[in-house]
Every structure is written in structure tokens, then in C-alpha cells.
């Protein structure tokens, strides 16, 4: 039992060191990506970047995809315009004069 505990305890620092080393890195596989070529979506052949069609199947080179827009994921939780029903806690549009869930009248019109 003691041998097992020493063995498990001894392995943990190595694992932590490796995990922390990888956490600070970008994707390590990106260094192998060839930017001078493109892969055909139809036949998966790697073609030189200068070609507009695939050498094997003549499928057109795919258009460059624009970088995805960065959206703050916390905006989904941002307070939106409107009012919260005091009865059922449903968030309602500011133009609603009563709650569609429980028919409670808007606090401002009461």
C-alpha cells in the first residue's frame, strides 16, 4: 500500500508540470500546418496555393473564410430593456402592458 501511495504521489508533479507547460502554449500542431497549400474539399488532395482549381478533380479552390467576429459571451447575460414581472419573474419587452405568462399588469401602468 505504501509503495502505491508513493508511486501515485510521485507522478502528480510531473503531470502538473506538463499540464502547466501546455496551458501556456498555442496549439502545438499549428507549426506543422502548411500555409503554401490548400486542401481540396472534394478529394482532400493538397494543392499549391497558387492554383485556383484542384489538380486532380478540378474543384474550385474554396474562398478564404473571414475571421470570426469576436463576441463577448457575457453579453447574453446583460440587462436588456424591458421589465421583470413581480409575480412570475419573467423578463418582458418594454412595450408589453401586461405579462404574457401570468397577465400581471406592467408596474408602470398600475
Protein backbone atom coordinates (compact mmCIF):
# COMPACT_ATOMS: atom_id res chain seq x y z
CA UNK A 1 0.00 0.00 0.00
CA UNK A 2 2.79 2.45 0.85
CA UNK A 3 4.54 1.65 -2.41
CA UNK A 4 1.36 2.50 -4.32
CA UNK A 5 0.86 5.80 -2.43
CA UNK A 6 4.47 6.85 -3.08
CA UNK A 7 4.10 5.93 -6.73
CA UNK A 8 0.89 7.96 -7.15
CA UNK A 9 2.24 10.94 -5.21
CA UNK A 10 5.45 10.88 -7.21
CA UNK A 11 3.62 11.01 -10.54
CA UNK A 12 1.46 14.02 -9.75
CA UNK A 13 4.14 16.76 -10.01
CA UNK A 14 5.22 15.53 -13.43
CA UNK A 15 1.64 15.65 -14.67
CA UNK A 16 1.11 19.15 -13.23
CA UNK A 17 4.32 20.39 -14.86
CA UNK A 18 3.28 19.05 -18.26
CA UNK A 19 -0.24 20.48 -17.94
CA UNK A 20 1.04 23.93 -16.99
CA UNK A 21 3.58 23.85 -19.82
CA UNK A 22 0.85 23.03 -22.37
CA UNK A 23 -1.56 25.60 -20.93
CA UNK A 24 0.77 28.45 -21.87
CA UNK A 25 1.22 27.22 -25.46
CA UNK A 26 -0.87 27.80 -28.53
CA UNK A 27 -1.97 24.74 -30.44
CA UNK A 28 1.31 22.84 -30.90
CA UNK A 29 0.07 21.25 -34.14
CA UNK A 30 -0.17 24.61 -35.90
CA UNK A 31 3.58 24.60 -36.53
CA UNK A 32 3.01 21.69 -38.95
CA UNK A 33 0.30 23.48 -40.96
CA UNK A 34 1.43 24.30 -44.47
CA UNK A 35 0.26 27.77 -45.45
CA UNK A 36 1.59 27.43 -49.01
CA UNK A 37 -1.14 24.98 -49.98
CA UNK A 38 -4.85 24.30 -49.66
CA UNK A 39 -6.79 21.07 -49.26
CA UNK A 40 -9.50 20.20 -51.77
CA UNK A 41 -12.87 19.75 -50.06
CA UNK A 42 -13.94 17.11 -52.61
CA UNK A 43 -10.92 14.81 -52.86
CA UNK A 44 -8.70 16.04 -49.97
CA UNK A 45 -5.66 16.49 -52.26
CA UNK A 46 -3.18 19.11 -51.09
CA UNK A 47 -2.76 21.71 -53.85
CA UNK A 48 -0.31 24.63 -54.21
CA UNK A 49 -1.79 27.94 -53.03
CA UNK A 50 -1.27 29.47 -56.48
CA UNK A 51 -3.80 27.10 -58.15
CA UNK A 52 -7.46 28.13 -58.41
CA UNK A 53 -8.64 24.55 -59.12
CA UNK A 54 -7.72 21.16 -57.69
CA UNK A 55 -5.10 19.32 -59.76
CA UNK A 56 -7.00 16.02 -59.52
CA UNK A 57 -10.71 16.78 -59.66
CA UNK A 58 -10.74 20.44 -60.79
CA UNK A 59 -12.94 21.54 -57.87
CA UNK A 60 -12.63 25.28 -57.34
CA UNK A 61 -10.42 26.48 -54.51
CA UNK A 62 -12.62 27.41 -51.52
CA UNK A 63 -12.92 31.10 -50.75
CA UNK A 64 -10.97 32.42 -47.79
CA UNK A 65 -13.14 32.41 -44.71
CA UNK A 66 -13.21 35.72 -42.87
CA UNK A 67 -12.05 35.65 -39.28
CA UNK A 68 -14.99 35.07 -36.96
CA UNK A 69 -16.21 38.17 -35.18
CA UNK A 70 -15.36 38.13 -31.53
CA UNK A 71 -18.47 38.43 -29.46
CA UNK A 72 -18.35 38.84 -25.74
CA UNK A 73 -20.24 35.79 -24.39
CA UNK A 74 -21.20 37.75 -21.28
CA UNK A 75 -23.46 40.00 -23.38
CA UNK A 76 -26.06 37.23 -23.28
CA UNK A 77 -26.45 37.96 -19.57
CA UNK A 78 -26.51 41.75 -19.95
CA UNK A 79 -29.61 43.51 -18.70
CA UNK A 80 -31.91 44.16 -21.63
CA UNK A 81 -34.54 46.85 -21.92
CA UNK A 82 -37.89 45.89 -20.52
CA UNK A 83 -39.38 44.99 -17.18
CA UNK A 84 -39.45 41.96 -14.92
CA UNK A 85 -42.81 40.68 -13.75
CA UNK A 86 -43.05 40.81 -9.94
CA UNK A 87 -45.36 37.78 -9.91
CA UNK A 88 -43.59 35.23 -12.15
CA UNK A 89 -40.17 36.91 -12.67
CA UNK A 90 -40.46 36.69 -16.48
CA UNK A 91 -38.46 39.34 -18.34
CA UNK A 92 -40.87 41.22 -20.62
CA UNK A 93 -40.44 43.62 -23.51
CA UNK A 94 -40.78 47.28 -22.58
CA UNK A 95 -43.72 47.67 -25.00
CA UNK A 96 -45.81 44.98 -23.24
CA UNK A 97 -48.52 46.38 -20.98
CA UNK A 98 -49.03 43.05 -19.19
CA UNK A 99 -47.04 39.87 -18.64
CA UNK A 100 -47.89 37.26 -21.32
CA UNK A 101 -47.29 34.42 -18.85
CA UNK A 102 -49.45 35.47 -15.89
CA UNK A 103 -51.35 38.57 -17.10
CA UNK A 104 -49.89 40.79 -14.36
CA UNK A 105 -50.14 44.44 -15.40
CA UNK A 106 -46.91 46.40 -16.05
CA UNK A 107 -45.74 48.05 -12.79
CA UNK A 108 -45.54 51.48 -14.51
CA UNK A 109 -49.20 51.32 -15.65
CA UNK A 110 -50.59 50.13 -12.29
